[in-house]
Amino acid sequence: MSNNRSGSFIGGMMLGATIGALTGLLIAPRTGRETRQLLKKSASALPELAEDISTSVQIQADRLSANARSNWDDTLDRLREAISAGIDASLRESQAMKQQNAQEKSDTVPQHLDN
């Protein structure tokens, strides 16, 4: 989970830095020509920034997917163990009940049949 949070933080930080830089360029007291040159340089850096963000998001998605698969596998293993333990307990209880019934039947045999 912390990997997912750090990826989101980095992506948010990159986006915030980009928006802040563009806002600063537009508000800064420069001539129109200087502002246009700075905007042109910033615009040329956007594809690389977008690629970096995309790569970061893909890495985080892969990690999240692997983590989800691992958690799912662990859950299935625990479920299989629980079902197996339940079946074993049920069989033991059934055998114990059969033995108890057999014992009760032998204890309740009429006295006149014993003689």
PDB file of N, CA and C in Angstrom:
ATOM      1  N   MET A   1       0.814  -1.190   0.000  1.00  0.00           N
ATOM      2  CA  MET A   1       0.000   0.000   0.000  1.00  0.00           C
ATOM      3  C   MET A   1       0.858   1.255   0.000  1.00  0.00           C
ATOM      4  N   SER A   2       1.972   1.261   0.713  1.00  0.00           N
ATOM      5  CA  SER A   2       2.808   2.442   0.780  1.00  0.00           C
ATOM      6  C   SER A   2       3.404   2.746  -0.594  1.00  0.00           C
ATOM      7  N   ASN A   3       3.660   1.717  -1.408  1.00  0.00           N
ATOM      8  CA  ASN A   3       4.153   1.949  -2.764  1.00  0.00           C
ATOM      9  C   ASN A   3       3.120   2.683  -3.591  1.00  0.00           C
ATOM     10  N   ASN A   4       1.857   2.340  -3.414  1.00  0.00           N
ATOM     11  CA  ASN A   4       0.787   2.996  -4.137  1.00  0.00           C
ATOM     12  C   ASN A   4       0.675   4.453  -3.714  1.00  0.00           C
ATOM     13  N   ARG A   5       0.807   4.716  -2.423  1.00  0.00           N
ATOM     14  CA  ARG A   5       0.721   6.090  -1.923  1.00  0.00           C
ATOM     15  C   ARG A   5       1.888   6.920  -2.417  1.00  0.00           C
ATOM     16  N   SER A   6       3.083   6.341  -2.442  1.00  0.00           N
ATOM     17  CA  SER A   6       4.249   7.099  -2.892  1.00  0.00           C
ATOM     18  C   SER A   6       4.131   7.404  -4.388  1.00  0.00           C
ATOM     19  N   GLY A   7       3.597   6.463  -5.165  1.00  0.00           N
ATOM     20  CA  GLY A   7       3.401   6.719  -6.589  1.00  0.00           C
ATOM     21  C   GLY A   7       2.388   7.812  -6.832  1.00  0.00           C
ATOM     22  N   SER A   8       1.312   7.803  -6.048  1.00  0.00           N
ATOM     23  CA  SER A   8       0.303   8.851  -6.172  1.00  0.00           C
ATOM     24  C   SER A   8       0.887  10.198  -5.766  1.00  0.00           C
ATOM     25  N   PHE A   9       1.687  10.182  -4.699  1.00  0.00           N
ATOM     26  CA  PHE A   9       2.302  11.417  -4.234  1.00  0.00           C
ATOM     27  C   PHE A   9       3.225  11.989  -5.295  1.00  0.00           C
ATOM     28  N   ILE A  10       4.067  11.138  -5.890  1.00  0.00           N
ATOM     29  CA  ILE A  10       5.010  11.599  -6.910  1.00  0.00           C
ATOM     30  C   ILE A  10       4.255  12.133  -8.131  1.00  0.00           C
ATOM     31  N   GLY A  11       3.230  11.408  -8.557  1.00  0.00           N
ATOM     32  CA  GLY A  11       2.436  11.875  -9.700  1.00  0.00           C
ATOM     33  C   GLY A  11       1.768  13.202  -9.405  1.00  0.00           C
ATOM     34  N   GLY A  12       1.210  13.349  -8.207  1.00  0.00           N
ATOM     35  CA  GLY A  12       0.584  14.615  -7.813  1.00  0.00           C
ATOM     36  C   GLY A  12       1.589  15.744  -7.723  1.00  0.00           C
ATOM     37  N   MET A  13       2.769  15.415  -7.215  1.00  0.00           N
ATOM     38  CA  MET A  13       3.813  16.433  -7.096  1.00  0.00           C
ATOM     39  C   MET A  13       4.253  16.910  -8.483  1.00  0.00           C
ATOM     40  N   MET A  14       4.391  15.971  -9.418  1.00  0.00           N
ATOM     41  CA  MET A  14       4.805  16.351 -10.778  1.00  0.00           C
ATOM     42  C   MET A  14       3.734  17.222 -11.451  1.00  0.00           C
ATOM     43  N   LEU A  15       2.479  16.829 -11.277  1.00  0.00           N
ATOM     44  CA  LEU A  15       1.396  17.602 -11.872  1.00  0.00           C
ATOM     45  C   LEU A  15       1.314  18.987 -11.234  1.00  0.00           C
ATOM     46  N   GLY A  16       1.443  19.035  -9.922  1.00  0.00           N
ATOM     47  CA  GLY A  16       1.411  20.328  -9.222  1.00  0.00           C
ATOM     48  C   GLY A  16       2.555  21.228  -9.636  1.00  0.00           C
ATOM     49  N   ALA A  17       3.754  20.641  -9.819  1.00  0.00           N
ATOM     50  CA  ALA A  17       4.907  21.428 -10.251  1.00  0.00           C
ATOM     51  C   ALA A  17       4.684  21.996 -11.650  1.00  0.00           C
ATOM     52  N   THR A  18       4.092  21.190 -12.505  1.00  0.00           N
ATOM     53  CA  THR A  18       3.817  21.659 -13.872  1.00  0.00           C
ATOM     54  C   THR A  18       2.814  22.800 -13.868  1.00  0.00           C
ATOM     55  N   ILE A  19       1.731  22.632 -13.144  1.00  0.00           N
ATOM     56  CA  ILE A  19       0.707  23.686 -13.080  1.00  0.00           C
ATOM     57  C   ILE A  19       1.298  24.942 -12.448  1.00  0.00           C
ATOM     58  N   GLY A  20       2.074  24.770 -11.389  1.00  0.00           N
ATOM     59  CA  GLY A  20       2.701  25.922 -10.732  1.00  0.00           C
ATOM     60  C   GLY A  20       3.661  26.649 -11.651  1.00  0.00           C
ATOM     61  N   ALA A  21       4.451  25.891 -12.402  1.00  0.00           N
ATOM     62  CA  ALA A  21       5.410  26.512 -13.327  1.00  0.00           C
ATOM     63  C   ALA A  21       4.685  27.287 -14.416  1.00  0.00           C
ATOM     64  N   LEU A  22       3.624  26.701 -14.980  1.00  0.00           N
ATOM     65  CA  LEU A  22       2.877  27.407 -16.030  1.00  0.00           C
ATOM     66  C   LEU A  22       2.196  28.665 -15.488  1.00  0.00           C
ATOM     67  N   THR A  23       1.647  28.558 -14.295  1.00  0.00           N
ATOM     68  CA  THR A  23       1.005  29.722 -13.686  1.00  0.00           C
ATOM     69  C   THR A  23       2.033  30.813 -13.427  1.00  0.00           C
ATOM     70  N   GLY A  24       3.205  30.405 -12.919  1.00  0.00           N
ATOM     71  CA  GLY A  24       4.269  31.373 -12.664  1.00  0.00           C
ATOM     72  C   GLY A  24       4.720  32.056 -13.942  1.00  0.00           C
ATOM     73  N   LEU A  25       4.795  31.321 -15.026  1.00  0.00           N
ATOM     74  CA  LEU A  25       5.200  31.904 -16.310  1.00  0.00           C
ATOM     75  C   LEU A  25       4.195  32.947 -16.794  1.00  0.00           C
ATOM     76  N   LEU A  26       2.929  32.634 -16.605  1.00  0.00           N
ATOM     77  CA  LEU A  26       1.899  33.545 -17.099  1.00  0.00           C
ATOM     78  C   LEU A  26       1.759  34.799 -16.223  1.00  0.00           C
ATOM     79  N   ILE A  27       2.067  34.677 -14.949  1.00  0.00           N
ATOM     80  CA  ILE A  27       1.899  35.806 -14.034  1.00  0.00           C
ATOM     81  C   ILE A  27       3.168  36.651 -13.933  1.00  0.00           C
ATOM     82  N   ALA A  28       4.331  36.064 -14.169  1.00  0.00           N
ATOM     83  CA  ALA A  28       5.614  36.758 -13.990  1.00  0.00           C
ATOM     84  C   ALA A  28       5.699  37.981 -14.907  1.00  0.00           C
ATOM     85  N   PRO A  29       6.326  39.056 -14.396  1.00  0.00           N
ATOM     86  CA  PRO A  29       6.453  40.286 -15.205  1.00  0.00           C
ATOM     87  C   PRO A  29       7.574  40.152 -16.245  1.00  0.00           C
ATOM     88  N   ARG A  30       7.221  39.626 -17.406  1.00  0.00           N
ATOM     89  CA  ARG A  30       8.156  39.471 -18.510  1.00  0.00           C
ATOM     90  C   ARG A  30       7.511  40.045 -19.763  1.00  0.00           C
ATOM     91  N   THR A  31       8.342  40.228 -20.747  1.00  0.00           N
ATOM     92  CA  THR A  31       7.801  40.679 -22.026  1.00  0.00           C
ATOM     93  C   THR A  31       7.071  39.513 -22.668  1.00  0.00           C
ATOM     94  N   GLY A  32       6.232  39.811 -23.602  1.00  0.00           N
ATOM     95  CA  GLY A  32       5.491  38.769 -24.308  1.00  0.00           C
ATOM     96  C   GLY A  32       6.411  37.776 -24.987  1.00  0.00           C
ATOM     97  N   ARG A  33       7.507  38.302 -25.573  1.00  0.00           N
ATOM     98  CA  ARG A  33       8.454  37.441 -26.271  1.00  0.00           C
ATOM     99  C   ARG A  33       9.120  36.459 -25.295  1.00  0.00           C
ATOM    100  N   GLU A  34       9.551  36.944 -24.138  1.00  0.00           N
ATOM    101  CA  GLU A  34      10.185  36.079 -23.147  1.00  0.00           C
ATOM    102  C   GLU A  34       9.192  35.018 -22.641  1.00  0.00           C
ATOM    103  N   THR A  35       7.978  35.460 -22.401  1.00  0.00           N
ATOM    104  CA  THR A  35       6.956  34.522 -21.912  1.00  0.00           C
ATOM    105  C   THR A  35       6.688  33.440 -22.949  1.00  0.00           C
ATOM    106  N   ARG A  36       6.600  33.821 -24.222  1.00  0.00           N
ATOM    107  CA  ARG A  36       6.364  32.845 -25.284  1.00  0.00           C
ATOM    108  C   ARG A  36       7.520  31.841 -25.371  1.00  0.00           C
ATOM    109  N   GLN A  37       8.752  32.319 -25.228  1.00  0.00           N
ATOM    110  CA  GLN A  37       9.908  31.418 -25.271  1.00  0.00           C
ATOM    111  C   GLN A  37       9.865  30.427 -24.093  1.00  0.00           C
ATOM    112  N   LEU A  38       9.531  30.934 -22.921  1.00  0.00           N
ATOM    113  CA  LEU A  38       9.444  30.050 -21.752  1.00  0.00           C
ATOM    114  C   LEU A  38       8.320  29.031 -21.898  1.00  0.00           C
ATOM    115  N   LEU A  39       7.189  29.488 -22.442  1.00  0.00           N
ATOM    116  CA  LEU A  39       6.071  28.565 -22.665  1.00  0.00           C
ATOM    117  C   LEU A  39       6.444  27.496 -23.689  1.00  0.00           C
ATOM    118  N   LYS A  40       7.193  27.909 -24.703  1.00  0.00           N
ATOM    119  CA  LYS A  40       7.619  26.960 -25.726  1.00  0.00           C
ATOM    120  C   LYS A  40       8.536  25.903 -25.110  1.00  0.00           C
ATOM    121  N   LYS A  41       9.477  26.321 -24.255  1.00  0.00           N
ATOM    122  CA  LYS A  41      10.371  25.367 -23.587  1.00  0.00           C
ATOM    123  C   LYS A  41       9.574  24.442 -22.668  1.00  0.00           C
ATOM    124  N   SER A  42       8.612  25.013 -21.958  1.00  0.00           N
ATOM    125  CA  SER A  42       7.793  24.203 -21.052  1.00  0.00           C
ATOM    126  C   SER A  42       6.953  23.203 -21.833  1.00  0.00           C
ATOM    127  N   ALA A  43       6.386  23.650 -22.937  1.00  0.00           N
ATOM    128  CA  ALA A  43       5.553  22.773 -23.757  1.00  0.00           C
ATOM    129  C   ALA A  43       6.371  21.616 -24.318  1.00  0.00           C
ATOM    130  N   SER A  44       7.630  21.873 -24.649  1.00  0.00           N
ATOM    131  CA  SER A  44       8.459  20.790 -25.198  1.00  0.00           C
ATOM    132  C   SER A  44       8.812  19.771 -24.113  1.00  0.00           C
ATOM    133  N   ALA A  45       8.760  20.176 -22.850  1.00  0.00           N
ATOM    134  CA  ALA A  45       9.058  19.250 -21.751  1.00  0.00           C
ATOM    135  C   ALA A  45       7.833  18.436 -21.338  1.00  0.00           C
ATOM    136  N   LEU A  46       6.640  18.856 -21.738  1.00  0.00           N
ATOM    137  CA  LEU A  46       5.416  18.163 -21.326  1.00  0.00           C
ATOM    138  C   LEU A  46       5.332  16.710 -21.786  1.00  0.00           C
ATOM    139  N   PRO A  47       5.692  16.382 -23.010  1.00  0.00           N
ATOM    140  CA  PRO A  47       5.621  14.963 -23.401  1.00  0.00           C
ATOM    141  C   PRO A  47       6.490  14.065 -22.508  1.00  0.00           C
ATOM    142  N   GLU A  48       7.684  14.542 -22.173  1.00  0.00           N
ATOM    143  CA  GLU A  48       8.562  13.755 -21.302  1.00  0.00           C
ATOM    144  C   GLU A  48       7.945  13.619 -19.908  1.00  0.00           C
ATOM    145  N   LEU A  49       7.369  14.689 -19.404  1.00  0.00           N
ATOM    146  CA  LEU A  49       6.713  14.649 -18.100  1.00  0.00           C
ATOM    147  C   LEU A  49       5.524  13.689 -18.131  1.00  0.00           C
ATOM    148  N   ALA A  50       4.739  13.759 -19.194  1.00  0.00           N
ATOM    149  CA  ALA A  50       3.586  12.856 -19.321  1.00  0.00           C
ATOM    150  C   ALA A  50       4.049  11.404 -19.388  1.00  0.00           C
ATOM    151  N   GLU A  51       5.141  11.158 -20.088  1.00  0.00           N
ATOM    152  CA  GLU A  51       5.675   9.791 -20.173  1.00  0.00           C
ATOM    153  C   GLU A  51       6.150   9.318 -18.806  1.00  0.00           C
ATOM    154  N   ASP A  52       6.812  10.191 -18.050  1.00  0.00           N
ATOM    155  CA  ASP A  52       7.269   9.837 -16.706  1.00  0.00           C
ATOM    156  C   ASP A  52       6.086   9.498 -15.796  1.00  0.00           C
ATOM    157  N   ILE A  53       5.055  10.315 -15.869  1.00  0.00           N
ATOM    158  CA  ILE A  53       3.864  10.064 -15.055  1.00  0.00           C
ATOM    159  C   ILE A  53       3.205   8.756 -15.474  1.00  0.00           C
ATOM    160  N   SER A  54       3.099   8.538 -16.775  1.00  0.00           N
ATOM    161  CA  SER A  54       2.498   7.307 -17.284  1.00  0.00           C
ATOM    162  C   SER A  54       3.277   6.079 -16.830  1.00  0.00           C
ATOM    163  N   THR A  55       4.599   6.161 -16.899  1.00  0.00           N
ATOM    164  CA  THR A  55       5.439   5.042 -16.450  1.00  0.00           C
ATOM    165  C   THR A  55       5.244   4.793 -14.966  1.00  0.00           C
ATOM    166  N   SER A  56       5.205   5.870 -14.188  1.00  0.00           N
ATOM    167  CA  SER A  56       5.016   5.738 -12.740  1.00  0.00           C
ATOM    168  C   SER A  56       3.669   5.097 -12.424  1.00  0.00           C
ATOM    169  N   VAL A  57       2.636   5.522 -13.112  1.00  0.00           N
ATOM    170  CA  VAL A  57       1.302   4.963 -12.897  1.00  0.00           C
ATOM    171  C   VAL A  57       1.275   3.488 -13.288  1.00  0.00           C
ATOM    172  N   GLN A  58       1.912   3.131 -14.395  1.00  0.00           N
ATOM    173  CA  GLN A  58       1.946   1.736 -14.838  1.00  0.00           C
ATOM    174  C   GLN A  58       2.679   0.854 -13.831  1.00  0.00           C
ATOM    175  N   ILE A  59       3.800   1.350 -13.312  1.00  0.00           N
ATOM    176  CA  ILE A  59       4.560   0.586 -12.311  1.00  0.00           C
ATOM    177  C   ILE A  59       3.703   0.362 -11.075  1.00  0.00           C
ATOM    178  N   GLN A  60       3.014   1.406 -10.625  1.00  0.00           N
ATOM    179  CA  GLN A  60       2.166   1.283  -9.442  1.00  0.00           C
ATOM    180  C   GLN A  60       1.005   0.329  -9.706  1.00  0.00           C
ATOM    181  N   ALA A  61       0.431   0.380 -10.898  1.00  0.00           N
ATOM    182  CA  ALA A  61      -0.673  -0.527 -11.238  1.00  0.00           C
ATOM    183  C   ALA A  61      -0.187  -1.980 -11.249  1.00  0.00           C
ATOM    184  N   ASP A  62       1.008  -2.210 -11.782  1.00  0.00           N
ATOM    185  CA  ASP A  62       1.572  -3.565 -11.799  1.00  0.00           C
ATOM    186  C   ASP A  62       1.808  -4.068 -10.376  1.00  0.00           C
ATOM    187  N   ARG A  63       2.339  -3.202  -9.522  1.00  0.00           N
ATOM    188  CA  ARG A  63       2.575  -3.591  -8.126  1.00  0.00           C
ATOM    189  C   ARG A  63       1.259  -3.896  -7.427  1.00  0.00           C
ATOM    190  N   LEU A  64       0.280  -3.050  -7.657  1.00  0.00           N
ATOM    191  CA  LEU A  64      -1.024  -3.254  -7.034  1.00  0.00           C
ATOM    192  C   LEU A  64      -1.650  -4.560  -7.518  1.00  0.00           C
ATOM    193  N   SER A  65      -1.536  -4.836  -8.804  1.00  0.00           N
ATOM    194  CA  SER A  65      -2.085  -6.067  -9.371  1.00  0.00           C
ATOM    195  C   SER A  65      -1.387  -7.291  -8.784  1.00  0.00           C
ATOM    196  N   ALA A  66      -0.069  -7.243  -8.684  1.00  0.00           N
ATOM    197  CA  ALA A  66       0.675  -8.368  -8.110  1.00  0.00           C
ATOM    198  C   ALA A  66       0.306  -8.564  -6.646  1.00  0.00           C
ATOM    199  N   ASN A  67       0.143  -7.458  -5.935  1.00  0.00           N
ATOM    200  CA  ASN A  67      -0.240  -7.527  -4.528  1.00  0.00           C
ATOM    201  C   ASN A  67      -1.642  -8.118  -4.379  1.00  0.00           C
ATOM    202  N   ALA A  68      -2.550  -7.710  -5.239  1.00  0.00           N
ATOM    203  CA  ALA A  68      -3.921  -8.236  -5.191  1.00  0.00           C
ATOM    204  C   ALA A  68      -3.937  -9.735  -5.495  1.00  0.00           C
ATOM    205  N   ARG A  69      -3.145 -10.157  -6.490  1.00  0.00           N
ATOM    206  CA  ARG A  69      -3.061 -11.585  -6.811  1.00  0.00           C
ATOM    207  C   ARG A  69      -2.506 -12.378  -5.629  1.00  0.00           C
ATOM    208  N   SER A  70      -1.480 -11.845  -5.009  1.00  0.00           N
ATOM    209  CA  SER A  70      -0.875 -12.519  -3.856  1.00  0.00           C
ATOM    210  C   SER A  70      -1.882 -12.631  -2.713  1.00  0.00           C
ATOM    211  N   ASN A  71      -2.592 -11.544  -2.445  1.00  0.00           N
ATOM    212  CA  ASN A  71      -3.605 -11.570  -1.382  1.00  0.00           C
ATOM    213  C   ASN A  71      -4.711 -12.564  -1.717  1.00  0.00           C
ATOM    214  N   TRP A  72      -5.125 -12.619  -2.967  1.00  0.00           N
ATOM    215  CA  TRP A  72      -6.173 -13.537  -3.399  1.00  0.00           C
ATOM    216  C   TRP A  72      -5.704 -14.985  -3.220  1.00  0.00           C
ATOM    217  N   ASP A  73      -4.453 -15.267  -3.630  1.00  0.00           N
ATOM    218  CA  ASP A  73      -3.902 -16.614  -3.471  1.00  0.00           C
ATOM    219  C   ASP A  73      -3.843 -17.007  -1.995  1.00  0.00           C
ATOM    220  N   ASP A  74      -3.420 -16.073  -1.145  1.00  0.00           N
ATOM    221  CA  ASP A  74      -3.371 -16.345   0.297  1.00  0.00           C
ATOM    222  C   ASP A  74      -4.769 -16.634   0.838  1.00  0.00           C
ATOM    223  N   THR A  75      -5.737 -15.862   0.397  1.00  0.00           N
ATOM    224  CA  THR A  75      -7.113 -16.059   0.846  1.00  0.00           C
ATOM    225  C   THR A  75      -7.635 -17.422   0.402  1.00  0.00           C
ATOM    226  N   LEU A  76      -7.350 -17.803  -0.835  1.00  0.00           N
ATOM    227  CA  LEU A  76      -7.781 -19.120  -1.331  1.00  0.00           C
ATOM    228  C   LEU A  76      -7.128 -20.249  -0.547  1.00  0.00           C
ATOM    229  N   ASP A  77      -5.849 -20.096  -0.231  1.00  0.00           N
ATOM    230  CA  ASP A  77      -5.161 -21.124   0.560  1.00  0.00           C
ATOM    231  C   ASP A  77      -5.802 -21.266   1.936  1.00  0.00           C
ATOM    232  N   ARG A  78      -6.094 -20.139   2.588  1.00  0.00           N
ATOM    233  CA  ARG A  78      -6.730 -20.201   3.908  1.00  0.00           C
ATOM    234  C   ARG A  78      -8.124 -20.806   3.811  1.00  0.00           C
ATOM    235  N   LEU A  79      -8.850 -20.484   2.747  1.00  0.00           N
ATOM    236  CA  LEU A  79     -10.182 -21.039   2.553  1.00  0.00           C
ATOM    237  C   LEU A  79     -10.118 -22.549   2.349  1.00  0.00           C
ATOM    238  N   ARG A  80      -9.168 -23.011   1.542  1.00  0.00           N
ATOM    239  CA  ARG A  80      -9.002 -24.458   1.324  1.00  0.00           C
ATOM    240  C   ARG A  80      -8.683 -25.171   2.641  1.00  0.00           C
ATOM    241  N   GLU A  81      -7.788 -24.568   3.427  1.00  0.00           N
ATOM    242  CA  GLU A  81      -7.432 -25.163   4.720  1.00  0.00           C
ATOM    243  C   GLU A  81      -8.643 -25.215   5.647  1.00  0.00           C
ATOM    244  N   ALA A  82      -9.434 -24.143   5.659  1.00  0.00           N
ATOM    245  CA  ALA A  82     -10.620 -24.104   6.520  1.00  0.00           C
ATOM    246  C   ALA A  82     -11.643 -25.149   6.088  1.00  0.00           C
ATOM    247  N   ILE A  83     -11.845 -25.299   4.792  1.00  0.00           N
ATOM    248  CA  ILE A  83     -12.800 -26.296   4.287  1.00  0.00           C
ATOM    249  C   ILE A  83     -12.309 -27.702   4.638  1.00  0.00           C
ATOM    250  N   SER A  84     -11.036 -27.947   4.442  1.00  0.00           N
ATOM    251  CA  SER A  84     -10.471 -29.256   4.765  1.00  0.00           C
ATOM    252  C   SER A  84     -10.616 -29.559   6.261  1.00  0.00           C
ATOM    253  N   ALA A  85     -10.328 -28.571   7.092  1.00  0.00           N
ATOM    254  CA  ALA A  85     -10.471 -28.765   8.544  1.00  0.00           C
ATOM    255  C   ALA A  85     -11.934 -29.010   8.901  1.00  0.00           C
ATOM    256  N   GLY A  86     -12.849 -28.312   8.245  1.00  0.00           N
ATOM    257  CA  GLY A  86     -14.277 -28.513   8.490  1.00  0.00           C
ATOM    258  C   GLY A  86     -14.738 -29.903   8.093  1.00  0.00           C
ATOM    259  N   ILE A  87     -14.251 -30.387   6.965  1.00  0.00           N
ATOM    260  CA  ILE A  87     -14.605 -31.740   6.510  1.00  0.00           C
ATOM    261  C   ILE A  87     -14.061 -32.778   7.491  1.00  0.00           C
ATOM    262  N   ASP A  88     -12.799 -32.603   7.894  1.00  0.00           N
ATOM    263  CA  ASP A  88     -12.197 -33.540   8.860  1.00  0.00           C
ATOM    264  C   ASP A  88     -12.979 -33.555  10.172  1.00  0.00           C
ATOM    265  N   ALA A  89     -13.328 -32.381  10.668  1.00  0.00           N
ATOM    266  CA  ALA A  89     -14.078 -32.290  11.928  1.00  0.00           C
ATOM    267  C   ALA A  89     -15.449 -32.943  11.782  1.00  0.00           C
ATOM    268  N   SER A  90     -16.086 -32.739  10.639  1.00  0.00           N
ATOM    269  CA  SER A  90     -17.397 -33.323  10.391  1.00  0.00           C
ATOM    270  C   SER A  90     -17.315 -34.853  10.362  1.00  0.00           C
ATOM    271  N   LEU A  91     -16.282 -35.374   9.713  1.00  0.00           N
ATOM    272  CA  LEU A  91     -16.102 -36.833   9.661  1.00  0.00           C
ATOM    273  C   LEU A  91     -15.842 -37.401  11.053  1.00  0.00           C
ATOM    274  N   ARG A  92     -15.000 -36.729  11.837  1.00  0.00           N
ATOM    275  CA  ARG A  92     -14.724 -37.199  13.196  1.00  0.00           C
ATOM    276  C   ARG A  92     -15.994 -37.181  14.046  1.00  0.00           C
ATOM    277  N   GLU A  93     -16.774 -36.123  13.919  1.00  0.00           N
ATOM    278  CA  GLU A  93     -18.025 -36.016  14.686  1.00  0.00           C
ATOM    279  C   GLU A  93     -19.007 -37.099  14.265  1.00  0.00           C
ATOM    280  N   SER A  94     -19.089 -37.367  12.958  1.00  0.00           N
ATOM    281  CA  SER A  94     -19.975 -38.414  12.458  1.00  0.00           C
ATOM    282  C   SER A  94     -19.564 -39.777  13.001  1.00  0.00           C
ATOM    283  N   GLN A  95     -18.281 -40.060  13.012  1.00  0.00           N
ATOM    284  CA  GLN A  95     -17.791 -41.334  13.538  1.00  0.00           C
ATOM    285  C   GLN A  95     -18.062 -41.442  15.037  1.00  0.00           C
ATOM    286  N   ALA A  96     -17.861 -40.332  15.745  1.00  0.00           N
ATOM    287  CA  ALA A  96     -18.121 -40.339  17.189  1.00  0.00           C
ATOM    288  C   ALA A  96     -19.603 -40.590  17.467  1.00  0.00           C
ATOM    289  N   MET A  97     -20.475 -40.005  16.674  1.00  0.00           N
ATOM    290  CA  MET A  97     -21.916 -40.204  16.858  1.00  0.00           C
ATOM    291  C   MET A  97     -22.305 -41.650  16.554  1.00  0.00           C
ATOM    292  N   LYS A  98     -21.712 -42.248  15.512  1.00  0.00           N
ATOM    293  CA  LYS A  98     -21.999 -43.642  15.183  1.00  0.00           C
ATOM    294  C   LYS A  98     -21.563 -44.566  16.321  1.00  0.00           C
ATOM    295  N   GLN A  99     -20.388 -44.291  16.879  1.00  0.00           N
ATOM    296  CA  GLN A  99     -19.907 -45.097  17.993  1.00  0.00           C
ATOM    297  C   GLN A  99     -20.818 -44.938  19.206  1.00  0.00           C
ATOM    298  N   GLN A 100     -21.251 -43.692  19.449  1.00  0.00           N
ATOM    299  CA  GLN A 100     -22.134 -43.440  20.586  1.00  0.00           C
ATOM    300  C   GLN A 100     -23.466 -44.158  20.385  1.00  0.00           C
ATOM    301  N   ASN A 101     -24.010 -44.099  19.180  1.00  0.00           N
ATOM    302  CA  ASN A 101     -25.272 -44.794  18.890  1.00  0.00           C
ATOM    303  C   ASN A 101     -25.109 -46.304  19.038  1.00  0.00           C
ATOM    304  N   ALA A 102     -23.995 -46.832  18.568  1.00  0.00           N
ATOM    305  CA  ALA A 102     -23.747 -48.273  18.697  1.00  0.00           C
ATOM    306  C   ALA A 102     -23.639 -48.651  20.175  1.00  0.00           C
ATOM    307  N   GLN A 103     -22.976 -47.819  20.959  1.00  0.00           N
ATOM    308  CA  GLN A 103     -22.843 -48.077  22.393  1.00  0.00           C
ATOM    309  C   GLN A 103     -24.202 -48.022  23.080  1.00  0.00           C
ATOM    310  N   GLU A 104     -25.015 -47.043  22.713  1.00  0.00           N
ATOM    311  CA  GLU A 104     -26.345 -46.912  23.313  1.00  0.00           C
ATOM    312  C   GLU A 104     -27.215 -48.114  22.952  1.00  0.00           C
ATOM    313  N   LYS A 105     -27.101 -48.588  21.719  1.00  0.00           N
ATOM    314  CA  LYS A 105     -27.876 -49.755  21.298  1.00  0.00           C
ATOM    315  C   LYS A 105     -27.456 -50.997  22.074  1.00  0.00           C
ATOM    316  N   SER A 106     -26.165 -51.161  22.286  1.00  0.00           N
ATOM    317  CA  SER A 106     -25.703 -52.339  23.026  1.00  0.00           C
ATOM    318  C   SER A 106     -26.075 -52.239  24.502  1.00  0.00           C
ATOM    319  N   ASP A 107     -26.169 -51.023  25.026  1.00  0.00           N
ATOM    320  CA  ASP A 107     -26.569 -50.836  26.420  1.00  0.00           C
ATOM    321  C   ASP A 107     -28.067 -51.034  26.621  1.00  0.00           C
ATOM    322  N   THR A 108     -28.865 -50.877  25.583  1.00  0.00           N
ATOM    323  CA  THR A 108     -30.311 -50.976  25.703  1.00  0.00           C
ATOM    324  C   THR A 108     -30.877 -52.307  25.233  1.00  0.00           C
ATOM    325  N   VAL A 109     -30.027 -53.305  25.056  1.00  0.00           N
ATOM    326  CA  VAL A 109     -30.497 -54.643  24.647  1.00  0.00           C
ATOM    327  C   VAL A 109     -31.341 -55.170  25.803  1.00  0.00           C
ATOM    328  N   PRO A 110     -32.533 -55.669  25.519  1.00  0.00           N
ATOM    329  CA  PRO A 110     -33.412 -56.163  26.580  1.00  0.00           C
ATOM    330  C   PRO A 110     -32.746 -57.260  27.402  1.00  0.00           C
ATOM    331  N   GLN A 111     -33.057 -57.286  28.708  1.00  0.00           N
ATOM    332  CA  GLN A 111     -32.442 -58.228  29.654  1.00  0.00           C
ATOM    333  C   GLN A 111     -32.788 -59.672  29.286  1.00  0.00           C
ATOM    334  N   HIS A 112     -34.007 -59.932  28.820  1.00  0.00           N
ATOM    335  CA  HIS A 112     -34.405 -61.293  28.537  1.00  0.00           C
ATOM    336  C   HIS A 112     -33.654 -61.864  27.333  1.00  0.00           C
ATOM    337  N   LEU A 113     -33.096 -61.003  26.451  1.00  0.00           N
ATOM    338  CA  LEU A 113     -32.316 -61.495  25.320  1.00  0.00           C
ATOM    339  C   LEU A 113     -30.884 -61.856  25.734  1.00  0.00           C
ATOM    340  N   ASP A 114     -30.425 -61.288  26.845  1.00  0.00           N
ATOM    341  CA  ASP A 114     -29.071 -61.577  27.312  1.00  0.00           C
ATOM    342  C   ASP A 114     -29.004 -62.970  27.900  1.00  0.00           C
ATOM    343  N   ASN A 115     -30.063 -63.470  28.473  1.00  0.00           N
ATOM    344  CA  ASN A 115     -30.049 -64.764  29.162  1.00  0.00           C
ATOM    345  C   ASN A 115     -30.057 -65.860  28.208  1.00  0.00           C
TER     346      ASN A 115
END
